[in-house]
Every structure is written in C-alpha cells, then in structure tokens.
Amino acid sequence: MLELPSTTLTVQAGTDGVATYNSITVADASFLRAEQTINLYSGPDGLARLSTQVIASIAGNVITYQGTSAVVMPIGTVVRPAEAIGENTPASMVHPQPVMIDRIVSGIAQSEKTKFAI
C-alpha cells in the first residue's frame, strides 16, 4: 500500500456550510506547493473525502485555494495531495506529483544526475 504524506487542519474551516472561504490552516504545509491538487478527508482516519481543491498559494501553513468552498471542516480534517493521474493509468498513483519529483531530485547527488541523460 502506498502511503501519501498528509497533514491536518489546525483551525476549523467554514462556519455554516453556506458562507464561502478560500483558505485553510494546516499543521505542516512544507510538502505541498502551489498548483497542486489536494483532497480533504474527515478526520482522524481520513476515509470520507469532504473536498478537492487546487492550491493557489501557500504562506507558512496557510493554504489559499484557487476556488472557494463552503464545506465545514473541523480541526483534524486530513489534507493529502491528490494522486497523480498518468496517461493511460487513471488514478494509478504510478506517476509522482511535482512536489515528490522535487524531493526525488533533491535526494540525488548532482554527479549521479548525469546518468539520467538521454
């Protein structure tokens, strides 16, 4: 089983299910980046998806969406990057998200990267 990195909301998002908002505060946004799609799940197990959003920007641990939401999400709501969808492999999770590519690249010594040249 592939385990995706996750974080949780530290401040409730939404008030009444009607008023919209476009930002959330999480415990750790360091593994996320702008333009990445995230899924938000009910906590603490993170099984029922509550919302899917695209990140517009991140400032510290505050994530601002490209759109808006009215869904009430309590503290402890689980935030995970959406699985990458590759060509001919919908939702296969075979293709890493851009943020994971950044982690992979930063973990390879520059002298080793030349071995990947085509």
PDB file of N, CA and C in Angstrom:
ATOM      1  N   MET A   1       0.841  -1.176   0.000  1.00  0.00           N
ATOM      2  CA  MET A   1       0.000   0.000   0.000  1.00  0.00           C
ATOM      3  C   MET A   1       0.887   1.241   0.000  1.00  0.00           C
ATOM      4  N   LEU A   2       0.568   2.178  -0.855  1.00  0.00           N
ATOM      5  CA  LEU A   2       1.305   3.425  -0.934  1.00  0.00           C
ATOM      6  C   LEU A   2       0.745   4.402   0.094  1.00  0.00           C
ATOM      7  N   GLU A   3       1.611   4.974   0.894  1.00  0.00           N
ATOM      8  CA  GLU A   3       1.162   5.930   1.895  1.00  0.00           C
ATOM      9  C   GLU A   3       1.521   7.332   1.444  1.00  0.00           C
ATOM     10  N   LEU A   4       0.515   8.167   1.281  1.00  0.00           N
ATOM     11  CA  LEU A   4       0.740   9.551   0.869  1.00  0.00           C
ATOM     12  C   LEU A   4       1.022  10.411   2.091  1.00  0.00           C
ATOM     13  N   PRO A   5       1.862  11.432   1.923  1.00  0.00           N
ATOM     14  CA  PRO A   5       2.081  12.355   3.030  1.00  0.00           C
ATOM     15  C   PRO A   5       0.774  13.082   3.337  1.00  0.00           C
ATOM     16  N   SER A   6       0.595  13.459   4.583  1.00  0.00           N
ATOM     17  CA  SER A   6      -0.631  14.170   4.941  1.00  0.00           C
ATOM     18  C   SER A   6      -0.346  15.132   6.080  1.00  0.00           C
ATOM     19  N   THR A   7      -1.288  16.026   6.281  1.00  0.00           N
ATOM     20  CA  THR A   7      -1.269  16.958   7.396  1.00  0.00           C
ATOM     21  C   THR A   7      -2.720  17.134   7.838  1.00  0.00           C
ATOM     22  N   THR A   8      -2.957  17.906   8.869  1.00  0.00           N
ATOM     23  CA  THR A   8      -4.323  18.115   9.354  1.00  0.00           C
ATOM     24  C   THR A   8      -4.601  19.595   9.557  1.00  0.00           C
ATOM     25  N   LEU A   9      -5.893  19.938   9.519  1.00  0.00           N
ATOM     26  CA  LEU A   9      -6.300  21.308   9.799  1.00  0.00           C
ATOM     27  C   LEU A   9      -6.083  21.611  11.277  1.00  0.00           C
ATOM     28  N   THR A  10      -5.546  22.789  11.561  1.00  0.00           N
ATOM     29  CA  THR A  10      -5.351  23.227  12.946  1.00  0.00           C
ATOM     30  C   THR A  10      -6.373  24.279  13.344  1.00  0.00           C
ATOM     31  N   VAL A  11      -7.107  24.774  12.358  1.00  0.00           N
ATOM     32  CA  VAL A  11      -8.169  25.752  12.582  1.00  0.00           C
ATOM     33  C   VAL A  11      -9.365  25.292  11.757  1.00  0.00           C
ATOM     34  N   GLN A  12     -10.557  25.300  12.353  1.00  0.00           N
ATOM     35  CA  GLN A  12     -11.749  24.903  11.599  1.00  0.00           C
ATOM     36  C   GLN A  12     -11.930  25.789  10.389  1.00  0.00           C
ATOM     37  N   ALA A  13     -12.317  25.185   9.272  1.00  0.00           N
ATOM     38  CA  ALA A  13     -12.613  25.943   8.056  1.00  0.00           C
ATOM     39  C   ALA A  13     -14.122  25.895   7.837  1.00  0.00           C
ATOM     40  N   GLY A  14     -14.701  27.000   7.480  1.00  0.00           N
ATOM     41  CA  GLY A  14     -16.139  27.064   7.262  1.00  0.00           C
ATOM     42  C   GLY A  14     -16.889  27.274   8.556  1.00  0.00           C
ATOM     43  N   THR A  15     -18.063  27.874   8.429  1.00  0.00           N
ATOM     44  CA  THR A  15     -18.838  28.190   9.632  1.00  0.00           C
ATOM     45  C   THR A  15     -20.220  27.554   9.638  1.00  0.00           C
ATOM     46  N   ASP A  16     -20.880  27.606   8.478  1.00  0.00           N
ATOM     47  CA  ASP A  16     -22.272  27.153   8.462  1.00  0.00           C
ATOM     48  C   ASP A  16     -22.647  26.340   7.232  1.00  0.00           C
ATOM     49  N   GLY A  17     -21.684  26.043   6.377  1.00  0.00           N
ATOM     50  CA  GLY A  17     -21.965  25.294   5.160  1.00  0.00           C
ATOM     51  C   GLY A  17     -22.518  26.153   4.043  1.00  0.00           C
ATOM     52  N   VAL A  18     -22.664  27.470   4.291  1.00  0.00           N
ATOM     53  CA  VAL A  18     -23.198  28.390   3.280  1.00  0.00           C
ATOM     54  C   VAL A  18     -22.169  29.468   2.937  1.00  0.00           C
ATOM     55  N   ALA A  19     -21.601  30.092   3.964  1.00  0.00           N
ATOM     56  CA  ALA A  19     -20.599  31.136   3.747  1.00  0.00           C
ATOM     57  C   ALA A  19     -19.337  30.495   3.157  1.00  0.00           C
ATOM     58  N   THR A  20     -18.812  31.105   2.108  1.00  0.00           N
ATOM     59  CA  THR A  20     -17.643  30.528   1.440  1.00  0.00           C
ATOM     60  C   THR A  20     -16.335  31.068   2.017  1.00  0.00           C
ATOM     61  N   TYR A  21     -15.283  30.314   1.806  1.00  0.00           N
ATOM     62  CA  TYR A  21     -13.939  30.703   2.218  1.00  0.00           C
ATOM     63  C   TYR A  21     -12.975  30.146   1.179  1.00  0.00           C
ATOM     64  N   ASN A  22     -11.727  30.618   1.201  1.00  0.00           N
ATOM     65  CA  ASN A  22     -10.757  30.119   0.222  1.00  0.00           C
ATOM     66  C   ASN A  22      -9.381  29.836   0.818  1.00  0.00           C
ATOM     67  N   SER A  23      -9.302  29.698   2.152  1.00  0.00           N
ATOM     68  CA  SER A  23      -8.017  29.330   2.749  1.00  0.00           C
ATOM     69  C   SER A  23      -8.227  28.446   3.965  1.00  0.00           C
ATOM     70  N   ILE A  24      -7.208  27.624   4.234  1.00  0.00           N
ATOM     71  CA  ILE A  24      -7.220  26.750   5.398  1.00  0.00           C
ATOM     72  C   ILE A  24      -5.859  26.843   6.076  1.00  0.00           C
ATOM     73  N   THR A  25      -5.823  26.499   7.370  1.00  0.00           N
ATOM     74  CA  THR A  25      -4.573  26.476   8.119  1.00  0.00           C
ATOM     75  C   THR A  25      -4.289  25.040   8.523  1.00  0.00           C
ATOM     76  N   VAL A  26      -3.089  24.564   8.180  1.00  0.00           N
ATOM     77  CA  VAL A  26      -2.717  23.178   8.448  1.00  0.00           C
ATOM     78  C   VAL A  26      -1.507  23.118   9.379  1.00  0.00           C
ATOM     79  N   ALA A  27      -1.244  21.928   9.909  1.00  0.00           N
ATOM     80  CA  ALA A  27      -0.120  21.738  10.824  1.00  0.00           C
ATOM     81  C   ALA A  27       1.225  21.846  10.104  1.00  0.00           C
ATOM     82  N   ASP A  28       1.298  21.329   8.872  1.00  0.00           N
ATOM     83  CA  ASP A  28       2.570  21.341   8.139  1.00  0.00           C
ATOM     84  C   ASP A  28       2.285  21.372   6.637  1.00  0.00           C
ATOM     85  N   ALA A  29       2.591  22.475   6.000  1.00  0.00           N
ATOM     86  CA  ALA A  29       2.361  22.610   4.558  1.00  0.00           C
ATOM     87  C   ALA A  29       3.657  22.464   3.766  1.00  0.00           C
ATOM     88  N   SER A  30       4.728  22.032   4.406  1.00  0.00           N
ATOM     89  CA  SER A  30       6.040  22.015   3.765  1.00  0.00           C
ATOM     90  C   SER A  30       6.141  21.065   2.571  1.00  0.00           C
ATOM     91  N   PHE A  31       5.306  20.053   2.493  1.00  0.00           N
ATOM     92  CA  PHE A  31       5.390  19.086   1.389  1.00  0.00           C
ATOM     93  C   PHE A  31       4.409  19.409   0.259  1.00  0.00           C
ATOM     94  N   LEU A  32       3.705  20.503   0.393  1.00  0.00           N
ATOM     95  CA  LEU A  32       2.743  20.927  -0.625  1.00  0.00           C
ATOM     96  C   LEU A  32       3.292  22.126  -1.380  1.00  0.00           C
ATOM     97  N   ARG A  33       2.728  22.380  -2.572  1.00  0.00           N
ATOM     98  CA  ARG A  33       3.142  23.560  -3.315  1.00  0.00           C
ATOM     99  C   ARG A  33       1.989  24.062  -4.182  1.00  0.00           C
ATOM    100  N   ALA A  34       2.147  25.280  -4.670  1.00  0.00           N
ATOM    101  CA  ALA A  34       1.111  25.914  -5.499  1.00  0.00           C
ATOM    102  C   ALA A  34       0.807  25.061  -6.724  1.00  0.00           C
ATOM    103  N   GLU A  35      -0.418  25.109  -7.158  1.00  0.00           N
ATOM    104  CA  GLU A  35      -0.955  24.404  -8.318  1.00  0.00           C
ATOM    105  C   GLU A  35      -1.141  22.913  -8.085  1.00  0.00           C
ATOM    106  N   GLN A  36      -0.867  22.452  -6.897  1.00  0.00           N
ATOM    107  CA  GLN A  36      -1.061  21.041  -6.573  1.00  0.00           C
ATOM    108  C   GLN A  36      -2.517  20.826  -6.157  1.00  0.00           C
ATOM    109  N   THR A  37      -3.078  19.693  -6.548  1.00  0.00           N
ATOM    110  CA  THR A  37      -4.439  19.333  -6.143  1.00  0.00           C
ATOM    111  C   THR A  37      -4.363  18.597  -4.818  1.00  0.00           C
ATOM    112  N   ILE A  38      -5.234  18.993  -3.887  1.00  0.00           N
ATOM    113  CA  ILE A  38      -5.290  18.330  -2.590  1.00  0.00           C
ATOM    114  C   ILE A  38      -6.703  17.805  -2.350  1.00  0.00           C
ATOM    115  N   ASN A  39      -6.770  16.721  -1.599  1.00  0.00           N
ATOM    116  CA  ASN A  39      -8.043  16.171  -1.146  1.00  0.00           C
ATOM    117  C   ASN A  39      -8.118  16.361   0.356  1.00  0.00           C
ATOM    118  N   LEU A  40      -9.300  16.723   0.835  1.00  0.00           N
ATOM    119  CA  LEU A  40      -9.524  16.904   2.265  1.00  0.00           C
ATOM    120  C   LEU A  40     -10.505  15.839   2.730  1.00  0.00           C
ATOM    121  N   TYR A  41     -10.123  15.109   3.784  1.00  0.00           N
ATOM    122  CA  TYR A  41     -10.889  13.969   4.276  1.00  0.00           C
ATOM    123  C   TYR A  41     -11.282  14.179   5.726  1.00  0.00           C
ATOM    124  N   SER A  42     -12.396  13.551   6.126  1.00  0.00           N
ATOM    125  CA  SER A  42     -12.822  13.615   7.513  1.00  0.00           C
ATOM    126  C   SER A  42     -11.759  12.988   8.402  1.00  0.00           C
ATOM    127  N   GLY A  43     -11.505  13.598   9.531  1.00  0.00           N
ATOM    128  CA  GLY A  43     -10.502  13.069  10.452  1.00  0.00           C
ATOM    129  C   GLY A  43     -11.142  12.155  11.476  1.00  0.00           C
ATOM    130  N   PRO A  44     -10.370  11.413  12.238  1.00  0.00           N
ATOM    131  CA  PRO A  44      -8.916  11.337  12.151  1.00  0.00           C
ATOM    132  C   PRO A  44      -8.433  10.276  11.151  1.00  0.00           C
ATOM    133  N   ASP A  45      -9.333   9.407  10.690  1.00  0.00           N
ATOM    134  CA  ASP A  45      -8.916   8.312   9.813  1.00  0.00           C
ATOM    135  C   ASP A  45      -8.735   8.726   8.364  1.00  0.00           C
ATOM    136  N   GLY A  46      -9.350   9.814   7.952  1.00  0.00           N
ATOM    137  CA  GLY A  46      -9.202  10.303   6.591  1.00  0.00           C
ATOM    138  C   GLY A  46      -9.812   9.402   5.546  1.00  0.00           C
ATOM    139  N   LEU A  47     -11.013   8.905   5.807  1.00  0.00           N
ATOM    140  CA  LEU A  47     -11.645   7.980   4.871  1.00  0.00           C
ATOM    141  C   LEU A  47     -12.665   8.637   3.952  1.00  0.00           C
ATOM    142  N   ALA A  48     -13.479   9.528   4.471  1.00  0.00           N
ATOM    143  CA  ALA A  48     -14.531  10.163   3.663  1.00  0.00           C
ATOM    144  C   ALA A  48     -14.030  11.491   3.114  1.00  0.00           C
ATOM    145  N   ARG A  49     -13.981  11.607   1.772  1.00  0.00           N
ATOM    146  CA  ARG A  49     -13.499  12.856   1.170  1.00  0.00           C
ATOM    147  C   ARG A  49     -14.566  13.937   1.312  1.00  0.00           C
ATOM    148  N   LEU A  50     -14.129  15.092   1.811  1.00  0.00           N
ATOM    149  CA  LEU A  50     -15.021  16.228   2.003  1.00  0.00           C
ATOM    150  C   LEU A  50     -14.913  17.244   0.876  1.00  0.00           C
ATOM    151  N   SER A  51     -13.722  17.375   0.303  1.00  0.00           N
ATOM    152  CA  SER A  51     -13.498  18.412  -0.694  1.00  0.00           C
ATOM    153  C   SER A  51     -12.228  18.113  -1.480  1.00  0.00           C
ATOM    154  N   THR A  52     -12.170  18.624  -2.689  1.00  0.00           N
ATOM    155  CA  THR A  52     -10.958  18.588  -3.510  1.00  0.00           C
ATOM    156  C   THR A  52     -10.704  20.010  -3.972  1.00  0.00           C
ATOM    157  N   GLN A  53      -9.467  20.477  -3.792  1.00  0.00           N
ATOM    158  CA  GLN A  53      -9.133  21.853  -4.124  1.00  0.00           C
ATOM    159  C   GLN A  53      -7.782  21.910  -4.821  1.00  0.00           C
ATOM    160  N   VAL A  54      -7.546  23.013  -5.517  1.00  0.00           N
ATOM    161  CA  VAL A  54      -6.245  23.274  -6.136  1.00  0.00           C
ATOM    162  C   VAL A  54      -5.616  24.437  -5.376  1.00  0.00           C
ATOM    163  N   ILE A  55      -4.375  24.262  -4.973  1.00  0.00           N
ATOM    164  CA  ILE A  55      -3.685  25.284  -4.187  1.00  0.00           C
ATOM    165  C   ILE A  55      -3.297  26.458  -5.082  1.00  0.00           C
ATOM    166  N   ALA A  56      -3.659  27.665  -4.656  1.00  0.00           N
ATOM    167  CA  ALA A  56      -3.245  28.884  -5.355  1.00  0.00           C
ATOM    168  C   ALA A  56      -1.920  29.367  -4.788  1.00  0.00           C
ATOM    169  N   SER A  57      -1.810  29.360  -3.449  1.00  0.00           N
ATOM    170  CA  SER A  57      -0.573  29.809  -2.811  1.00  0.00           C
ATOM    171  C   SER A  57      -0.482  29.239  -1.406  1.00  0.00           C
ATOM    172  N   ILE A  58       0.735  29.287  -0.867  1.00  0.00           N
ATOM    173  CA  ILE A  58       0.987  28.831   0.496  1.00  0.00           C
ATOM    174  C   ILE A  58       1.843  29.873   1.182  1.00  0.00           C
ATOM    175  N   ALA A  59       1.430  30.299   2.356  1.00  0.00           N
ATOM    176  CA  ALA A  59       2.195  31.240   3.172  1.00  0.00           C
ATOM    177  C   ALA A  59       2.316  30.625   4.556  1.00  0.00           C
ATOM    178  N   GLY A  60       3.492  30.097   4.856  1.00  0.00           N
ATOM    179  CA  GLY A  60       3.665  29.375   6.121  1.00  0.00           C
ATOM    180  C   GLY A  60       2.838  28.102   6.071  1.00  0.00           C
ATOM    181  N   ASN A  61       1.863  28.005   6.951  1.00  0.00           N
ATOM    182  CA  ASN A  61       0.968  26.854   6.964  1.00  0.00           C
ATOM    183  C   ASN A  61      -0.452  27.218   6.548  1.00  0.00           C
ATOM    184  N   VAL A  62      -0.601  28.370   5.909  1.00  0.00           N
ATOM    185  CA  VAL A  62      -1.908  28.789   5.397  1.00  0.00           C
ATOM    186  C   VAL A  62      -1.956  28.521   3.897  1.00  0.00           C
ATOM    187  N   ILE A  63      -2.908  27.696   3.499  1.00  0.00           N
ATOM    188  CA  ILE A  63      -3.085  27.326   2.096  1.00  0.00           C
ATOM    189  C   ILE A  63      -4.274  28.095   1.550  1.00  0.00           C
ATOM    190  N   THR A  64      -4.076  28.789   0.442  1.00  0.00           N
ATOM    191  CA  THR A  64      -5.161  29.504  -0.229  1.00  0.00           C
ATOM    192  C   THR A  64      -5.534  28.732  -1.481  1.00  0.00           C
ATOM    193  N   TYR A  65      -6.828  28.497  -1.657  1.00  0.00           N
ATOM    194  CA  TYR A  65      -7.341  27.760  -2.816  1.00  0.00           C
ATOM    195  C   TYR A  65      -7.433  28.656  -4.041  1.00  0.00           C
ATOM    196  N   GLN A  66      -7.500  28.035  -5.213  1.00  0.00           N
ATOM    197  CA  GLN A  66      -7.809  28.761  -6.440  1.00  0.00           C
ATOM    198  C   GLN A  66      -9.303  29.049  -6.511  1.00  0.00           C
ATOM    199  N   GLY A  67     -10.109  28.233  -5.880  1.00  0.00           N
ATOM    200  CA  GLY A  67     -11.568  28.411  -5.861  1.00  0.00           C
ATOM    201  C   GLY A  67     -12.031  28.715  -4.455  1.00  0.00           C
ATOM    202  N   THR A  68     -13.303  28.425  -4.182  1.00  0.00           N
ATOM    203  CA  THR A  68     -13.858  28.621  -2.844  1.00  0.00           C
ATOM    204  C   THR A  68     -14.591  27.364  -2.407  1.00  0.00           C
ATOM    205  N   SER A  69     -14.884  27.301  -1.122  1.00  0.00           N
ATOM    206  CA  SER A  69     -15.614  26.178  -0.547  1.00  0.00           C
ATOM    207  C   SER A  69     -16.522  26.696   0.550  1.00  0.00           C
ATOM    208  N   ALA A  70     -17.572  25.957   0.842  1.00  0.00           N
ATOM    209  CA  ALA A  70     -18.446  26.287   1.960  1.00  0.00           C
ATOM    210  C   ALA A  70     -18.512  25.121   2.948  1.00  0.00           C
ATOM    211  N   VAL A  71     -17.840  24.022   2.630  1.00  0.00           N
ATOM    212  CA  VAL A  71     -17.877  22.826   3.464  1.00  0.00           C
ATOM    213  C   VAL A  71     -17.260  23.116   4.830  1.00  0.00           C
ATOM    214  N   VAL A  72     -17.959  22.764   5.893  1.00  0.00           N
ATOM    215  CA  VAL A  72     -17.410  22.931   7.235  1.00  0.00           C
ATOM    216  C   VAL A  72     -16.458  21.774   7.495  1.00  0.00           C
ATOM    217  N   MET A  73     -15.188  22.123   7.778  1.00  0.00           N
ATOM    218  CA  MET A  73     -14.170  21.110   8.041  1.00  0.00           C
ATOM    219  C   MET A  73     -13.545  21.393   9.401  1.00  0.00           C
ATOM    220  N   PRO A  74     -13.770  20.505  10.360  1.00  0.00           N
ATOM    221  CA  PRO A  74     -13.267  20.735  11.714  1.00  0.00           C
ATOM    222  C   PRO A  74     -11.758  20.550  11.838  1.00  0.00           C
ATOM    223  N   ILE A  75     -11.225  20.991  12.960  1.00  0.00           N
ATOM    224  CA  ILE A  75      -9.825  20.728  13.286  1.00  0.00           C
ATOM    225  C   ILE A  75      -9.615  19.220  13.205  1.00  0.00           C
ATOM    226  N   GLY A  76      -8.505  18.803  12.628  1.00  0.00           N
ATOM    227  CA  GLY A  76      -8.223  17.380  12.487  1.00  0.00           C
ATOM    228  C   GLY A  76      -8.578  16.818  11.121  1.00  0.00           C
ATOM    229  N   THR A  77      -9.231  17.643  10.271  1.00  0.00           N
ATOM    230  CA  THR A  77      -9.510  17.210   8.906  1.00  0.00           C
ATOM    231  C   THR A  77      -8.182  16.888   8.229  1.00  0.00           C
ATOM    232  N   VAL A  78      -8.127  15.763   7.527  1.00  0.00           N
ATOM    233  CA  VAL A  78      -6.882  15.296   6.911  1.00  0.00           C
ATOM    234  C   VAL A  78      -6.723  15.903   5.514  1.00  0.00           C
ATOM    235  N   VAL A  79      -5.536  16.423   5.234  1.00  0.00           N
ATOM    236  CA  VAL A  79      -5.217  17.026   3.937  1.00  0.00           C
ATOM    237  C   VAL A  79      -4.120  16.188   3.293  1.00  0.00           C
ATOM    238  N   ARG A  80      -4.397  15.686   2.077  1.00  0.00           N
ATOM    239  CA  ARG A  80      -3.419  14.875   1.346  1.00  0.00           C
ATOM    240  C   ARG A  80      -3.316  15.376  -0.083  1.00  0.00           C
ATOM    241  N   PRO A  81      -2.136  15.241  -0.685  1.00  0.00           N
ATOM    242  CA  PRO A  81      -2.048  15.545  -2.113  1.00  0.00           C
ATOM    243  C   PRO A  81      -2.874  14.522  -2.881  1.00  0.00           C
ATOM    244  N   ALA A  82      -3.499  14.967  -3.960  1.00  0.00           N
ATOM    245  CA  ALA A  82      -4.258  14.052  -4.806  1.00  0.00           C
ATOM    246  C   ALA A  82      -3.286  13.146  -5.541  1.00  0.00           C
ATOM    247  N   GLU A  83      -3.717  11.939  -5.843  1.00  0.00           N
ATOM    248  CA  GLU A  83      -2.871  11.030  -6.605  1.00  0.00           C
ATOM    249  C   GLU A  83      -2.663  11.600  -7.993  1.00  0.00           C
ATOM    250  N   ALA A  84      -1.520  11.348  -8.540  1.00  0.00           N
ATOM    251  CA  ALA A  84      -1.209  11.809  -9.889  1.00  0.00           C
ATOM    252  C   ALA A  84      -1.872  10.874 -10.884  1.00  0.00           C
ATOM    253  N   ILE A  85      -2.401  11.437 -11.925  1.00  0.00           N
ATOM    254  CA  ILE A  85      -3.039  10.632 -12.957  1.00  0.00           C
ATOM    255  C   ILE A  85      -2.164  10.681 -14.188  1.00  0.00           C
ATOM    256  N   GLY A  86      -1.687   9.535 -14.598  1.00  0.00           N
ATOM    257  CA  GLY A  86      -0.795   9.457 -15.746  1.00  0.00           C
ATOM    258  C   GLY A  86      -1.553   9.025 -16.985  1.00  0.00           C
ATOM    259  N   GLU A  87      -0.925   9.181 -18.114  1.00  0.00           N
ATOM    260  CA  GLU A  87      -1.509   8.788 -19.377  1.00  0.00           C
ATOM    261  C   GLU A  87      -1.806   7.293 -19.364  1.00  0.00           C
ATOM    262  N   ASN A  88      -3.031   6.926 -19.690  1.00  0.00           N
ATOM    263  CA  ASN A  88      -3.491   5.542 -19.731  1.00  0.00           C
ATOM    264  C   ASN A  88      -3.460   4.842 -18.379  1.00  0.00           C
ATOM    265  N   THR A  89      -3.271   5.592 -17.304  1.00  0.00           N
ATOM    266  CA  THR A  89      -3.280   4.986 -15.980  1.00  0.00           C
ATOM    267  C   THR A  89      -4.066   5.868 -15.014  1.00  0.00           C
ATOM    268  N   PRO A  90      -5.349   6.062 -15.258  1.00  0.00           N
ATOM    269  CA  PRO A  90      -6.106   6.960 -14.394  1.00  0.00           C
ATOM    270  C   PRO A  90      -6.048   6.528 -12.931  1.00  0.00           C
ATOM    271  N   ALA A  91      -5.740   7.492 -12.098  1.00  0.00           N
ATOM    272  CA  ALA A  91      -5.672   7.287 -10.655  1.00  0.00           C
ATOM    273  C   ALA A  91      -4.780   6.122 -10.268  1.00  0.00           C
ATOM    274  N   SER A  92      -3.762   5.864 -11.048  1.00  0.00           N
ATOM    275  CA  SER A  92      -2.897   4.715 -10.797  1.00  0.00           C
ATOM    276  C   SER A  92      -1.898   4.961  -9.675  1.00  0.00           C
ATOM    277  N   MET A  93      -1.620   6.213  -9.404  1.00  0.00           N
ATOM    278  CA  MET A  93      -0.624   6.613  -8.413  1.00  0.00           C
ATOM    279  C   MET A  93       0.764   6.141  -8.819  1.00  0.00           C
ATOM    280  N   VAL A  94       0.959   5.877 -10.103  1.00  0.00           N
ATOM    281  CA  VAL A  94       2.255   5.462 -10.616  1.00  0.00           C
ATOM    282  C   VAL A  94       3.136   6.681 -10.835  1.00  0.00           C
ATOM    283  N   HIS A  95       2.547   7.771 -11.226  1.00  0.00           N
ATOM    284  CA  HIS A  95       3.292   8.983 -11.554  1.00  0.00           C
ATOM    285  C   HIS A  95       3.323   9.914 -10.349  1.00  0.00           C
ATOM    286  N   PRO A  96       4.506  10.298  -9.879  1.00  0.00           N
ATOM    287  CA  PRO A  96       4.585  11.152  -8.699  1.00  0.00           C
ATOM    288  C   PRO A  96       4.128  12.581  -8.980  1.00  0.00           C
ATOM    289  N   GLN A  97       3.546  13.193  -7.968  1.00  0.00           N
ATOM    290  CA  GLN A  97       3.168  14.596  -8.042  1.00  0.00           C
ATOM    291  C   GLN A  97       4.440  15.426  -8.167  1.00  0.00           C
ATOM    292  N   PRO A  98       4.346  16.645  -8.697  1.00  0.00           N
ATOM    293  CA  PRO A  98       5.524  17.503  -8.845  1.00  0.00           C
ATOM    294  C   PRO A  98       6.306  17.693  -7.546  1.00  0.00           C
ATOM    295  N   VAL A  99       5.627  17.806  -6.424  1.00  0.00           N
ATOM    296  CA  VAL A  99       6.342  18.003  -5.164  1.00  0.00           C
ATOM    297  C   VAL A  99       7.192  16.781  -4.829  1.00  0.00           C
ATOM    298  N   MET A 100       6.730  15.597  -5.183  1.00  0.00           N
ATOM    299  CA  MET A 100       7.524  14.394  -4.936  1.00  0.00           C
ATOM    300  C   MET A 100       8.704  14.318  -5.906  1.00  0.00           C
ATOM    301  N   ILE A 101       8.505  14.793  -7.116  1.00  0.00           N
ATOM    302  CA  ILE A 101       9.621  14.846  -8.063  1.00  0.00           C
ATOM    303  C   ILE A 101      10.709  15.757  -7.504  1.00  0.00           C
ATOM    304  N   ASP A 102      10.308  16.889  -6.914  1.00  0.00           N
ATOM    305  CA  ASP A 102      11.278  17.792  -6.294  1.00  0.00           C
ATOM    306  C   ASP A 102      12.058  17.080  -5.195  1.00  0.00           C
ATOM    307  N   ARG A 103      11.367  16.292  -4.372  1.00  0.00           N
ATOM    308  CA  ARG A 103      12.044  15.563  -3.296  1.00  0.00           C
ATOM    309  C   ARG A 103      13.009  14.526  -3.860  1.00  0.00           C
ATOM    310  N   ILE A 104      12.595  13.830  -4.894  1.00  0.00           N
ATOM    311  CA  ILE A 104      13.453  12.814  -5.513  1.00  0.00           C
ATOM    312  C   ILE A 104      14.709  13.481  -6.076  1.00  0.00           C
ATOM    313  N   VAL A 105      14.515  14.571  -6.807  1.00  0.00           N
ATOM    314  CA  VAL A 105      15.645  15.274  -7.422  1.00  0.00           C
ATOM    315  C   VAL A 105      16.607  15.802  -6.360  1.00  0.00           C
ATOM    316  N   SER A 106      16.068  16.355  -5.282  1.00  0.00           N
ATOM    317  CA  SER A 106      16.952  16.902  -4.247  1.00  0.00           C
ATOM    318  C   SER A 106      17.705  15.810  -3.496  1.00  0.00           C
ATOM    319  N   GLY A 107      17.221  14.578  -3.562  1.00  0.00           N
ATOM    320  CA  GLY A 107      17.883  13.480  -2.885  1.00  0.00           C
ATOM    321  C   GLY A 107      18.951  12.783  -3.717  1.00  0.00           C
ATOM    322  N   ILE A 108      19.118  13.202  -4.960  1.00  0.00           N
ATOM    323  CA  ILE A 108      20.111  12.593  -5.839  1.00  0.00           C
ATOM    324  C   ILE A 108      21.279  13.557  -5.999  1.00  0.00           C
ATOM    325  N   ALA A 109      22.469  13.049  -5.773  1.00  0.00           N
ATOM    326  CA  ALA A 109      23.668  13.882  -5.917  1.00  0.00           C
ATOM    327  C   ALA A 109      23.786  14.373  -7.354  1.00  0.00           C
ATOM    328  N   GLN A 110      24.281  15.597  -7.539  1.00  0.00           N
ATOM    329  CA  GLN A 110      24.417  16.175  -8.875  1.00  0.00           C
ATOM    330  C   GLN A 110      25.248  15.272  -9.784  1.00  0.00           C
ATOM    331  N   SER A 111      26.286  14.658  -9.238  1.00  0.00           N
ATOM    332  CA  SER A 111      27.141  13.784 -10.043  1.00  0.00           C
ATOM    333  C   SER A 111      26.397  12.556 -10.551  1.00  0.00           C
ATOM    334  N   GLU A 112      25.345  12.154  -9.858  1.00  0.00           N
ATOM    335  CA  GLU A 112      24.557  10.987 -10.265  1.00  0.00           C
ATOM    336  C   GLU A 112      23.482  11.343 -11.293  1.00  0.00           C
ATOM    337  N   LYS A 113      23.074  12.596 -11.339  1.00  0.00           N
ATOM    338  CA  LYS A 113      22.005  13.020 -12.239  1.00  0.00           C
ATOM    339  C   LYS A 113      22.394  12.885 -13.696  1.00  0.00           C
ATOM    340  N   THR A 114      23.677  12.954 -14.013  1.00  0.00           N
ATOM    341  CA  THR A 114      24.108  12.825 -15.403  1.00  0.00           C
ATOM    342  C   THR A 114      23.809  11.430 -15.960  1.00  0.00           C
ATOM    343  N   LYS A 115      23.634  10.457 -15.111  1.00  0.00           N
ATOM    344  CA  LYS A 115      23.300   9.094 -15.540  1.00  0.00           C
ATOM    345  C   LYS A 115      21.898   9.019 -16.138  1.00  0.00           C
ATOM    346  N   PHE A 116      21.064  10.016 -15.857  1.00  0.00           N
ATOM    347  CA  PHE A 116      19.701  10.043 -16.376  1.00  0.00           C
ATOM    348  C   PHE A 116      19.602  10.696 -17.742  1.00  0.00           C
ATOM    349  N   ALA A 117      20.684  11.282 -18.225  1.00  0.00           N
ATOM    350  CA  ALA A 117      20.673  11.977 -19.529  1.00  0.00           C
ATOM    351  C   ALA A 117      20.335  11.010 -20.645  1.00  0.00           C
ATOM    352  N   ILE A 118      19.527  11.467 -21.536  1.00  0.00           N
ATOM    353  CA  ILE A 118      19.111  10.624 -22.671  1.00  0.00           C
ATOM    354  C   ILE A 118      19.962  10.940 -23.880  1.00  0.00           C
TER     355      ILE A 118
END
